[in-house]
Amino acid sequence: MVYAKALVAVLMAALTTVQTVATDGISTQDWCSIAVAVLTAVGVYFIPNVPASMAWAKTLVAMLLAGAQAAVQVTATGAITSQGWLTILIAAIGVVSVYTVPNKAAVQAGPAAV
Protein backbone atom coordinates (compact mmCIF):
# COMPACT_ATOMS: atom_id res chain seq x y z
CA MET A 1 0.00 0.00 0.00
CA VAL A 2 1.46 3.32 -1.10
CA TYR A 3 -0.06 5.30 1.77
CA ALA A 4 0.49 2.86 4.65
CA LYS A 5 2.74 5.17 6.67
CA ALA A 6 0.38 8.12 6.20
CA LEU A 7 -2.58 5.98 7.26
CA VAL A 8 -0.73 4.97 10.42
CA ALA A 9 -0.06 8.65 11.18
CA VAL A 10 -3.74 9.50 10.60
CA LEU A 11 -4.77 6.66 12.92
CA MET A 12 -2.43 7.99 15.63
CA ALA A 13 -3.85 11.51 15.15
CA ALA A 14 -7.38 10.13 15.59
CA LEU A 15 -6.29 8.18 18.67
CA THR A 16 -4.68 11.30 20.14
CA THR A 17 -7.89 13.25 19.52
CA VAL A 18 -10.09 10.62 21.16
CA GLN A 19 -7.71 10.30 24.11
CA THR A 20 -7.52 14.03 24.79
CA VAL A 21 -11.25 14.67 24.46
CA ALA A 22 -12.41 11.57 26.35
CA THR A 23 -10.48 12.23 29.55
CA ASP A 24 -11.56 15.71 30.63
CA GLY A 25 -13.12 17.64 27.81
CA ILE A 26 -11.03 19.86 25.58
CA SER A 27 -8.63 22.60 26.63
CA THR A 28 -6.13 24.80 24.82
CA GLN A 29 -3.44 22.21 25.54
CA ASP A 30 -5.65 19.51 24.02
CA TRP A 31 -6.15 21.60 20.88
CA CYS A 32 -2.37 21.99 20.61
CA SER A 33 -1.91 18.21 20.99
CA ILE A 34 -4.50 17.55 18.31
CA ALA A 35 -2.86 20.13 16.01
CA VAL A 36 0.56 18.49 16.43
CA ALA A 37 -0.94 15.05 15.74
CA VAL A 38 -2.64 16.34 12.58
CA LEU A 39 0.59 18.05 11.47
CA THR A 40 2.39 14.74 11.97
CA ALA A 41 -0.10 12.96 9.71
CA VAL A 42 0.13 15.71 7.07
CA GLY A 43 3.93 15.77 7.25
CA VAL A 44 4.23 12.00 6.86
CA TYR A 45 1.78 12.10 3.94
CA PHE A 46 3.61 14.86 2.06
CA ILE A 47 7.11 13.39 2.39
CA PRO A 48 7.43 11.46 -0.86
CA ASN A 49 8.04 7.73 -0.90
CA VAL A 50 11.75 7.47 -1.47
CA PRO A 51 14.23 4.65 -2.03
CA ALA A 52 15.18 2.46 0.93
CA SER A 53 18.33 4.51 1.55
CA MET A 54 16.13 7.52 2.43
CA ALA A 55 13.30 5.63 4.16
CA TRP A 56 14.06 7.45 7.42
CA ALA A 57 12.58 10.73 6.10
CA LYS A 58 8.97 9.99 7.12
CA THR A 59 10.17 8.64 10.47
CA LEU A 60 12.22 11.78 11.09
CA VAL A 61 9.15 13.98 10.57
CA ALA A 62 7.13 11.79 12.96
CA MET A 63 9.97 11.86 15.51
CA LEU A 64 10.39 15.65 15.43
CA LEU A 65 6.68 16.19 15.86
CA ALA A 66 6.55 13.62 18.67
CA GLY A 67 9.10 15.84 20.39
CA ALA A 68 6.77 18.78 19.81
CA GLN A 69 3.98 16.72 21.35
CA ALA A 70 6.11 16.23 24.48
CA ALA A 71 6.87 19.96 24.57
CA VAL A 72 3.15 20.75 24.45
CA GLN A 73 2.60 18.53 27.48
CA VAL A 74 5.39 20.17 29.50
CA THR A 75 4.72 23.82 28.61
CA ALA A 76 1.08 23.85 29.67
CA THR A 77 1.64 23.03 33.34
CA GLY A 78 5.39 22.71 33.82
CA ALA A 79 4.92 19.03 34.59
CA ILE A 80 3.54 16.08 32.67
CA THR A 81 0.22 14.72 33.87
CA SER A 82 -0.92 11.13 33.40
CA GLN A 83 -2.96 12.28 30.39
CA GLY A 84 0.16 13.96 29.02
CA TRP A 85 2.19 10.78 29.40
CA LEU A 86 -0.52 8.89 27.51
CA THR A 87 -0.39 11.45 24.71
CA ILE A 88 3.40 11.14 24.56
CA LEU A 89 3.10 7.34 24.51
CA ILE A 90 0.68 7.51 21.57
CA ALA A 91 3.13 9.82 19.75
CA ALA A 92 6.00 7.39 20.42
CA ILE A 93 3.94 4.44 19.18
CA GLY A 94 3.20 6.53 16.09
CA VAL A 95 6.92 7.05 15.43
CA VAL A 96 7.66 3.34 15.80
CA SER A 97 4.68 2.47 13.60
CA VAL A 98 5.67 4.91 10.86
CA TYR A 99 9.15 3.38 10.93
CA THR A 100 8.04 -0.25 10.85
CA VAL A 101 5.06 -0.16 8.48
CA PRO A 102 6.34 -0.68 4.94
CA ASN A 103 5.28 1.60 2.10
CA LYS A 104 5.24 -0.16 -1.22
CA ALA A 105 6.06 1.96 -4.22
CA ALA A 106 3.30 2.47 -6.72
CA VAL A 107 3.50 0.02 -9.60
CA GLN A 108 3.71 1.86 -12.88
CA ALA A 109 2.27 0.13 -15.89
CA GLY A 110 4.70 -0.37 -18.70
CA PRO A 111 3.91 -0.17 -22.38
CA ALA A 112 1.34 -2.66 -23.55
CA ALA A 113 2.71 -5.77 -25.16
CA VAL A 114 1.89 -6.01 -28.81
C-alpha atoms as a PDB file:
ATOM      1  CA  MET A   1       0.000   0.000   0.000  1.00  0.00           C
ATOM      2  CA  VAL A   2       1.463   3.318  -1.095  1.00  0.00           C
ATOM      3  CA  TYR A   3      -0.063   5.302   1.766  1.00  0.00           C
ATOM      4  CA  ALA A   4       0.487   2.861   4.648  1.00  0.00           C
ATOM      5  CA  LYS A   5       2.743   5.174   6.668  1.00  0.00           C
ATOM      6  CA  ALA A   6       0.375   8.117   6.197  1.00  0.00           C
ATOM      7  CA  LEU A   7      -2.584   5.975   7.259  1.00  0.00           C
ATOM      8  CA  VAL A   8      -0.730   4.974  10.425  1.00  0.00           C
ATOM      9  CA  ALA A   9      -0.064   8.651  11.176  1.00  0.00           C
ATOM     10  CA  VAL A  10      -3.740   9.499  10.598  1.00  0.00           C
ATOM     11  CA  LEU A  11      -4.768   6.660  12.917  1.00  0.00           C
ATOM     12  CA  MET A  12      -2.431   7.988  15.628  1.00  0.00           C
ATOM     13  CA  ALA A  13      -3.854  11.512  15.149  1.00  0.00           C
ATOM     14  CA  ALA A  14      -7.376  10.134  15.589  1.00  0.00           C
ATOM     15  CA  LEU A  15      -6.285   8.177  18.669  1.00  0.00           C
ATOM     16  CA  THR A  16      -4.678  11.304  20.144  1.00  0.00           C
ATOM     17  CA  THR A  17      -7.885  13.253  19.520  1.00  0.00           C
ATOM     18  CA  VAL A  18     -10.086  10.619  21.157  1.00  0.00           C
ATOM     19  CA  GLN A  19      -7.708  10.300  24.111  1.00  0.00           C
ATOM     20  CA  THR A  20      -7.521  14.028  24.785  1.00  0.00           C
ATOM     21  CA  VAL A  21     -11.249  14.668  24.458  1.00  0.00           C
ATOM     22  CA  ALA A  22     -12.409  11.570  26.352  1.00  0.00           C
ATOM     23  CA  THR A  23     -10.477  12.233  29.548  1.00  0.00           C
ATOM     24  CA  ASP A  24     -11.557  15.708  30.625  1.00  0.00           C
ATOM     25  CA  GLY A  25     -13.123  17.642  27.810  1.00  0.00           C
ATOM     26  CA  ILE A  26     -11.033  19.855  25.584  1.00  0.00           C
ATOM     27  CA  SER A  27      -8.634  22.604  26.626  1.00  0.00           C
ATOM     28  CA  THR A  28      -6.131  24.797  24.817  1.00  0.00           C
ATOM     29  CA  GLN A  29      -3.436  22.207  25.543  1.00  0.00           C
ATOM     30  CA  ASP A  30      -5.648  19.514  24.020  1.00  0.00           C
ATOM     31  CA  TRP A  31      -6.152  21.600  20.879  1.00  0.00           C
ATOM     32  CA  CYS A  32      -2.375  21.992  20.615  1.00  0.00           C
ATOM     33  CA  SER A  33      -1.909  18.212  20.994  1.00  0.00           C
ATOM     34  CA  ILE A  34      -4.498  17.551  18.311  1.00  0.00           C
ATOM     35  CA  ALA A  35      -2.862  20.127  16.005  1.00  0.00           C
ATOM     36  CA  VAL A  36       0.563  18.493  16.430  1.00  0.00           C
ATOM     37  CA  ALA A  37      -0.937  15.048  15.737  1.00  0.00           C
ATOM     38  CA  VAL A  38      -2.639  16.336  12.577  1.00  0.00           C
ATOM     39  CA  LEU A  39       0.590  18.046  11.465  1.00  0.00           C
ATOM     40  CA  THR A  40       2.387  14.743  11.972  1.00  0.00           C
ATOM     41  CA  ALA A  41      -0.096  12.962   9.709  1.00  0.00           C
ATOM     42  CA  VAL A  42       0.131  15.709   7.073  1.00  0.00           C
ATOM     43  CA  GLY A  43       3.927  15.768   7.250  1.00  0.00           C
ATOM     44  CA  VAL A  44       4.229  11.997   6.864  1.00  0.00           C
ATOM     45  CA  TYR A  45       1.783  12.102   3.943  1.00  0.00           C
ATOM     46  CA  PHE A  46       3.613  14.861   2.064  1.00  0.00           C
ATOM     47  CA  ILE A  47       7.107  13.394   2.394  1.00  0.00           C
ATOM     48  CA  PRO A  48       7.434  11.459  -0.864  1.00  0.00           C
ATOM     49  CA  ASN A  49       8.041   7.728  -0.897  1.00  0.00           C
ATOM     50  CA  VAL A  50      11.752   7.470  -1.471  1.00  0.00           C
ATOM     51  CA  PRO A  51      14.228   4.650  -2.035  1.00  0.00           C
ATOM     52  CA  ALA A  52      15.175   2.462   0.930  1.00  0.00           C
ATOM     53  CA  SER A  53      18.327   4.509   1.553  1.00  0.00           C
ATOM     54  CA  MET A  54      16.133   7.521   2.432  1.00  0.00           C
ATOM     55  CA  ALA A  55      13.303   5.634   4.164  1.00  0.00           C
ATOM     56  CA  TRP A  56      14.056   7.447   7.418  1.00  0.00           C
ATOM     57  CA  ALA A  57      12.577  10.733   6.100  1.00  0.00           C
ATOM     58  CA  LYS A  58       8.974   9.985   7.123  1.00  0.00           C
ATOM     59  CA  THR A  59      10.172   8.635  10.471  1.00  0.00           C
ATOM     60  CA  LEU A  60      12.221  11.784  11.091  1.00  0.00           C
ATOM     61  CA  VAL A  61       9.146  13.975  10.569  1.00  0.00           C
ATOM     62  CA  ALA A  62       7.134  11.788  12.961  1.00  0.00           C
ATOM     63  CA  MET A  63       9.969  11.864  15.513  1.00  0.00           C
ATOM     64  CA  LEU A  64      10.390  15.651  15.434  1.00  0.00           C
ATOM     65  CA  LEU A  65       6.677  16.193  15.861  1.00  0.00           C
ATOM     66  CA  ALA A  66       6.546  13.622  18.673  1.00  0.00           C
ATOM     67  CA  GLY A  67       9.097  15.841  20.389  1.00  0.00           C
ATOM     68  CA  ALA A  68       6.772  18.781  19.811  1.00  0.00           C
ATOM     69  CA  GLN A  69       3.977  16.718  21.352  1.00  0.00           C
ATOM     70  CA  ALA A  70       6.106  16.235  24.475  1.00  0.00           C
ATOM     71  CA  ALA A  71       6.869  19.957  24.566  1.00  0.00           C
ATOM     72  CA  VAL A  72       3.154  20.750  24.453  1.00  0.00           C
ATOM     73  CA  GLN A  73       2.604  18.529  27.477  1.00  0.00           C
ATOM     74  CA  VAL A  74       5.385  20.172  29.500  1.00  0.00           C
ATOM     75  CA  THR A  75       4.716  23.816  28.612  1.00  0.00           C
ATOM     76  CA  ALA A  76       1.082  23.845  29.674  1.00  0.00           C
ATOM     77  CA  THR A  77       1.640  23.032  33.344  1.00  0.00           C
ATOM     78  CA  GLY A  78       5.387  22.708  33.816  1.00  0.00           C
ATOM     79  CA  ALA A  79       4.920  19.028  34.587  1.00  0.00           C
ATOM     80  CA  ILE A  80       3.543  16.080  32.666  1.00  0.00           C
ATOM     81  CA  THR A  81       0.223  14.716  33.867  1.00  0.00           C
ATOM     82  CA  SER A  82      -0.923  11.126  33.400  1.00  0.00           C
ATOM     83  CA  GLN A  83      -2.964  12.275  30.388  1.00  0.00           C
ATOM     84  CA  GLY A  84       0.164  13.964  29.020  1.00  0.00           C
ATOM     85  CA  TRP A  85       2.187  10.776  29.401  1.00  0.00           C
ATOM     86  CA  LEU A  86      -0.516   8.887  27.515  1.00  0.00           C
ATOM     87  CA  THR A  87      -0.393  11.454  24.712  1.00  0.00           C
ATOM     88  CA  ILE A  88       3.405  11.142  24.556  1.00  0.00           C
ATOM     89  CA  LEU A  89       3.099   7.335  24.511  1.00  0.00           C
ATOM     90  CA  ILE A  90       0.684   7.514  21.571  1.00  0.00           C
ATOM     91  CA  ALA A  91       3.127   9.817  19.749  1.00  0.00           C
ATOM     92  CA  ALA A  92       6.004   7.393  20.418  1.00  0.00           C
ATOM     93  CA  ILE A  93       3.939   4.442  19.180  1.00  0.00           C
ATOM     94  CA  GLY A  94       3.199   6.526  16.093  1.00  0.00           C
ATOM     95  CA  VAL A  95       6.916   7.047  15.428  1.00  0.00           C
ATOM     96  CA  VAL A  96       7.664   3.338  15.797  1.00  0.00           C
ATOM     97  CA  SER A  97       4.679   2.472  13.603  1.00  0.00           C
ATOM     98  CA  VAL A  98       5.669   4.914  10.861  1.00  0.00           C
ATOM     99  CA  TYR A  99       9.149   3.384  10.926  1.00  0.00           C
ATOM    100  CA  THR A 100       8.041  -0.255  10.853  1.00  0.00           C
ATOM    101  CA  VAL A 101       5.057  -0.158   8.478  1.00  0.00           C
ATOM    102  CA  PRO A 102       6.336  -0.684   4.945  1.00  0.00           C
ATOM    103  CA  ASN A 103       5.284   1.597   2.104  1.00  0.00           C
ATOM    104  CA  LYS A 104       5.237  -0.156  -1.216  1.00  0.00           C
ATOM    105  CA  ALA A 105       6.060   1.962  -4.218  1.00  0.00           C
ATOM    106  CA  ALA A 106       3.297   2.471  -6.721  1.00  0.00           C
ATOM    107  CA  VAL A 107       3.497   0.023  -9.597  1.00  0.00           C
ATOM    108  CA  GLN A 108       3.708   1.855 -12.877  1.00  0.00           C
ATOM    109  CA  ALA A 109       2.266   0.131 -15.887  1.00  0.00           C
ATOM    110  CA  GLY A 110       4.701  -0.365 -18.696  1.00  0.00           C
ATOM    111  CA  PRO A 111       3.907  -0.165 -22.377  1.00  0.00           C
ATOM    112  CA  ALA A 112       1.335  -2.657 -23.555  1.00  0.00           C
ATOM    113  CA  ALA A 113       2.715  -5.767 -25.159  1.00  0.00           C
ATOM    114  CA  VAL A 114       1.888  -6.013 -28.815  1.00  0.00           C
END
